[in-house]
Amino acid sequence: MTPLTITSRDAATGPVLEITGDLDYTSAPELRRLLDQLALMAGQQLVLDLTGLAFCDSSGISALLAARSRAMEQDATVALAAVPANTARILRVVGLDRVFALYPDAAAAVARTSVTDLTA
C-alpha cells in the first residue's frame, strides 16, 4: 500500500493536482475533501495529474467522477493526465474514457493538446 499524496499547483488554465500513491477506499475521501475546498472559476480546467498513481479502485474512480461533478458545478472542466495503463483500462471498460478529457501528461493537458488514445 502506497500512501496517497496530493500536491497542488496553479497553471494558466487552472489548478493542477498531482496525485501519487493509492487512490482507494481509505484514501479517496481525502481527494474528495480537497475537491470540496477547491474554488474553480468558470472556464478553468482542473487537471488531475496521475503520473504517480500506483493503484486505483472503484472508490478512486468515484472520486475522479466527483472531481468532474465539482468542476461542472463551477462551469469548469476536468482533465486526466498521464493515466496509468491499469487505470486507463478500467476507464475504457466502463466507458469513462469518453467522459473525461485524457492527455499524455500535465503539460499537454494545460496546453489542451494531444488527447491520449486509450484504445491500445
Protein backbone atom coordinates (compact mmCIF):
# COMPACT_ATOMS: atom_id res chain seq x y z
CA MET A 1 0.00 0.00 0.00
CA THR A 2 1.37 3.36 -1.08
CA PRO A 3 0.16 6.39 0.88
CA LEU A 4 -1.82 8.95 -1.10
CA THR A 5 -0.15 12.32 -1.65
CA ILE A 6 -1.86 15.22 -3.39
CA THR A 7 0.05 18.34 -4.31
CA SER A 8 -1.46 21.37 -5.96
CA ARG A 9 -0.03 23.97 -8.28
CA ASP A 10 -1.52 26.67 -10.44
CA ALA A 11 -1.30 26.66 -14.23
CA ALA A 12 -2.52 29.15 -16.81
CA THR A 13 -5.70 27.12 -17.34
CA GLY A 14 -6.44 26.38 -13.68
CA PRO A 15 -5.24 24.15 -10.84
CA VAL A 16 -3.20 21.01 -11.35
CA LEU A 17 -3.46 18.31 -8.68
CA GLU A 18 -0.64 15.79 -8.73
CA ILE A 19 -1.95 12.53 -7.27
CA THR A 20 0.56 9.89 -6.20
CA GLY A 21 0.13 6.63 -4.34
CA ASP A 22 -3.03 4.57 -3.91
CA LEU A 23 -6.42 6.12 -4.61
CA ASP A 24 -8.70 3.62 -2.91
CA TYR A 25 -11.43 3.15 -0.32
CA THR A 26 -9.31 4.51 2.51
CA SER A 27 -7.75 7.46 0.66
CA ALA A 28 -10.46 8.60 -1.78
CA PRO A 29 -12.19 10.70 0.92
CA GLU A 30 -9.01 12.79 1.16
CA LEU A 31 -9.28 13.73 -2.52
CA ARG A 32 -12.99 14.46 -2.11
CA ARG A 33 -12.29 16.78 0.86
CA LEU A 34 -9.70 18.66 -1.16
CA LEU A 35 -12.12 18.97 -4.08
CA ASP A 36 -14.80 20.37 -1.77
CA GLN A 37 -12.41 23.19 -0.83
CA LEU A 38 -11.26 23.86 -4.39
CA ALA A 39 -12.59 27.03 -5.98
CA LEU A 40 -12.67 26.98 -9.76
CA MET A 41 -13.61 29.87 -11.99
CA ALA A 42 -15.88 29.42 -14.99
CA GLY A 43 -13.87 28.29 -17.99
CA GLN A 44 -10.97 26.90 -15.97
CA GLN A 45 -9.74 23.35 -16.32
CA LEU A 46 -8.82 21.22 -13.32
CA VAL A 47 -6.02 18.85 -14.29
CA LEU A 48 -5.57 15.66 -12.29
CA ASP A 49 -2.01 14.52 -12.97
CA LEU A 50 -1.96 10.77 -12.34
CA THR A 51 1.70 10.21 -13.19
CA GLY A 52 2.43 8.79 -9.74
CA LEU A 53 -0.83 6.90 -9.25
CA ALA A 54 0.09 3.41 -8.08
CA PHE A 55 -3.38 1.91 -7.64
CA CYS A 56 -6.98 2.99 -8.21
CA ASP A 57 -10.07 1.01 -7.18
CA SER A 58 -13.77 1.77 -7.65
CA SER A 59 -13.67 4.30 -4.80
CA GLY A 60 -10.86 6.08 -6.59
CA ILE A 61 -12.84 6.12 -9.83
CA SER A 62 -15.77 7.53 -7.88
CA ALA A 63 -13.50 10.30 -6.54
CA LEU A 64 -12.42 11.13 -10.10
CA LEU A 65 -16.08 11.39 -11.06
CA ALA A 66 -16.64 13.65 -8.03
CA ALA A 67 -13.89 15.90 -9.38
CA ARG A 68 -15.71 16.08 -12.69
CA SER A 69 -19.00 16.89 -10.96
CA ARG A 70 -17.35 19.56 -8.83
CA ALA A 71 -15.81 21.17 -11.92
CA MET A 72 -19.10 21.08 -13.81
CA GLU A 73 -20.89 22.76 -10.86
CA GLN A 74 -18.46 25.64 -11.23
CA ASP A 75 -18.69 25.81 -15.06
CA ALA A 76 -15.21 24.38 -15.36
CA THR A 77 -13.83 21.19 -16.86
CA VAL A 78 -11.60 18.39 -15.62
CA ALA A 79 -8.83 16.57 -17.45
CA LEU A 80 -6.89 13.45 -16.53
CA ALA A 81 -3.20 13.45 -17.39
CA ALA A 82 -0.74 10.55 -17.54
CA VAL A 83 -3.33 7.91 -16.70
CA PRO A 84 -1.52 4.65 -15.78
CA ALA A 85 -2.31 1.68 -18.03
CA ASN A 86 -4.23 -0.28 -15.38
CA THR A 87 -6.45 2.73 -14.59
CA ALA A 88 -6.85 3.54 -18.29
CA ARG A 89 -8.14 0.01 -18.83
CA ILE A 90 -10.77 0.47 -16.10
CA LEU A 91 -11.84 3.81 -17.59
CA ARG A 92 -12.12 2.20 -21.02
CA VAL A 93 -14.11 -0.82 -19.78
CA VAL A 94 -16.72 1.34 -18.04
CA GLY A 95 -16.85 3.96 -20.81
CA LEU A 96 -15.31 6.80 -18.83
CA ASP A 97 -12.63 7.29 -21.47
CA ARG A 98 -15.40 9.10 -23.37
CA VAL A 99 -16.40 11.18 -20.32
CA PHE A 100 -13.01 12.55 -19.29
CA ALA A 101 -10.58 14.57 -21.39
CA LEU A 102 -7.42 12.44 -21.37
CA TYR A 103 -3.90 13.70 -22.01
CA PRO A 104 -0.48 12.03 -22.10
CA ASP A 105 0.91 14.40 -19.44
CA ALA A 106 0.04 17.50 -17.43
CA ALA A 107 1.82 19.85 -19.85
CA ALA A 108 -0.38 18.64 -22.71
CA ALA A 109 -3.48 18.99 -20.54
CA VAL A 110 -2.58 22.56 -19.65
CA ALA A 111 -1.97 23.27 -23.34
CA ARG A 112 -5.16 21.28 -24.11
CA THR A 113 -3.46 19.39 -26.92
CA SER A 114 -2.56 15.80 -27.80
CA VAL A 115 -5.51 13.89 -26.40
CA THR A 116 -4.47 10.37 -25.42
CA ASP A 117 -5.97 7.42 -27.25
CA LEU A 118 -6.68 4.70 -24.69
CA THR A 119 -7.75 2.06 -27.20
CA ALA A 120 -4.32 0.45 -27.22
